[in-house]
Amino acid sequence: MTAGLTGLAIGVCAFIIIGIFHPIVIKTEYYTGTRLWWVFLLVGLLGCGAAIIINHTFVSAVISVIAFSCFWSIKELFEQRERVRKGWFPKNPKRTDYKD
């Protein structure tokens, strides 16, 4: 694959990965709150390690996008909590750990 096509393919993968992480953050906050932020950190760190080890440029780049999407998701998880508090997203009626 040429460099231009590789770059384009990485861009498409990044677009898809970001689109996948958006509902993951929303569902994670809805069901567990922010207490699983460390899972995103762990997966991100593992992804960074894997991206360093892997020699294939395309695969390494896609894993890096996943890793850094995990890091960004930590921030978004806490921001999602605030959006729920403001009433922009529904609260989970089965959770009692909301603080207004």
Protein backbone atom coordinates (compact mmCIF):
# COMPACT_ATOMS: atom_id res chain seq x y z
CA MET A 1 0.00 0.00 0.00
CA THR A 2 1.37 3.44 -0.86
CA ALA A 3 2.05 5.98 1.86
CA GLY A 4 -0.92 8.10 0.74
CA LEU A 5 -3.32 5.19 0.91
CA THR A 6 -1.87 4.09 4.26
CA GLY A 7 -2.46 7.56 5.66
CA LEU A 8 -5.99 7.60 4.31
CA ALA A 9 -6.69 4.16 5.79
CA ILE A 10 -5.36 5.27 9.19
CA GLY A 11 -7.62 8.31 9.01
CA VAL A 12 -10.66 6.15 8.25
CA CYS A 13 -9.77 3.83 11.13
CA ALA A 14 -9.35 6.81 13.47
CA PHE A 15 -12.77 8.11 12.46
CA ILE A 16 -14.37 4.72 13.14
CA ILE A 17 -12.52 4.22 16.45
CA ILE A 18 -13.56 7.64 17.74
CA GLY A 19 -17.13 6.87 16.70
CA ILE A 20 -17.01 3.60 18.62
CA PHE A 21 -15.56 5.17 21.77
CA HIS A 22 -18.29 7.82 22.01
CA PRO A 23 -21.07 5.38 23.01
CA ILE A 24 -18.62 3.34 25.11
CA VAL A 25 -18.01 6.38 27.30
CA ILE A 26 -21.72 7.15 27.57
CA LYS A 27 -22.63 3.55 28.50
CA THR A 28 -19.72 3.24 30.94
CA GLU A 29 -20.80 6.37 32.81
CA TYR A 30 -24.45 5.30 32.75
CA TYR A 31 -23.82 1.86 34.26
CA THR A 32 -20.73 2.36 36.44
CA GLY A 33 -20.11 6.08 36.82
CA THR A 34 -16.49 7.17 36.69
CA ARG A 35 -15.04 4.42 38.87
CA LEU A 36 -13.70 2.42 35.88
CA TRP A 37 -11.52 5.23 34.54
CA TRP A 38 -8.46 3.14 35.37
CA VAL A 39 -9.53 0.50 32.82
CA PHE A 40 -9.22 3.10 30.06
CA LEU A 41 -5.80 4.06 31.45
CA LEU A 42 -4.61 0.45 31.55
CA VAL A 43 -5.83 -0.33 28.02
CA GLY A 44 -4.23 2.90 26.79
CA LEU A 45 -0.88 2.06 28.37
CA LEU A 46 -0.99 -1.49 27.02
CA GLY A 47 -1.85 -0.12 23.59
CA CYS A 48 1.10 2.28 23.69
CA GLY A 49 3.39 -0.58 24.64
CA ALA A 50 2.03 -2.73 21.84
CA ALA A 51 2.38 0.09 19.31
CA ILE A 52 6.05 0.46 20.21
CA ILE A 53 6.70 -3.27 19.82
CA ILE A 54 4.79 -3.80 16.55
CA ASN A 55 6.86 -3.22 13.42
CA HIS A 56 3.99 -2.83 10.95
CA THR A 57 3.30 0.89 10.48
CA PHE A 58 -0.42 0.61 9.78
CA VAL A 59 -1.16 -1.76 12.67
CA SER A 60 1.01 0.25 15.06
CA ALA A 61 -0.77 3.47 14.07
CA VAL A 62 -4.25 1.98 14.52
CA ILE A 63 -3.31 0.58 17.94
CA SER A 64 -1.95 4.01 18.86
CA VAL A 65 -5.24 5.61 17.87
CA ILE A 66 -7.07 3.13 20.10
CA ALA A 67 -4.64 3.78 22.97
CA PHE A 68 -4.99 7.54 22.79
CA SER A 69 -8.75 7.26 22.38
CA CYS A 70 -8.69 5.41 25.71
CA PHE A 71 -6.72 8.26 27.29
CA TRP A 72 -9.16 10.82 25.89
CA SER A 73 -12.05 8.70 27.16
CA ILE A 74 -10.88 9.20 30.75
CA LYS A 75 -11.45 12.94 30.34
CA GLU A 76 -14.73 12.36 28.53
CA LEU A 77 -15.95 9.98 31.25
CA PHE A 78 -15.68 12.72 33.87
CA GLU A 79 -17.19 15.27 31.51
CA GLN A 80 -20.06 12.85 30.81
CA ARG A 81 -20.73 12.75 34.55
CA GLU A 82 -21.13 16.53 34.46
CA ARG A 83 -23.42 16.35 31.43
CA VAL A 84 -25.61 13.88 33.32
CA ARG A 85 -25.67 16.19 36.36
CA LYS A 86 -26.79 19.06 34.13
CA GLY A 87 -29.59 16.90 32.76
CA TRP A 88 -28.23 16.72 29.24
CA PHE A 89 -28.11 12.90 29.44
CA PRO A 90 -30.37 10.60 31.47
CA LYS A 91 -29.40 9.33 34.91
CA ASN A 92 -29.42 5.60 35.53
CA PRO A 93 -32.34 5.09 37.95
CA LYS A 94 -30.62 2.00 39.41
CA ARG A 95 -27.58 4.01 40.55
CA THR A 96 -27.63 5.95 43.79
CA ASP A 97 -24.13 7.45 43.70
CA TYR A 98 -25.15 10.72 42.02
CA LYS A 99 -24.22 13.86 43.93
CA ASP A 100 -26.07 17.00 42.93
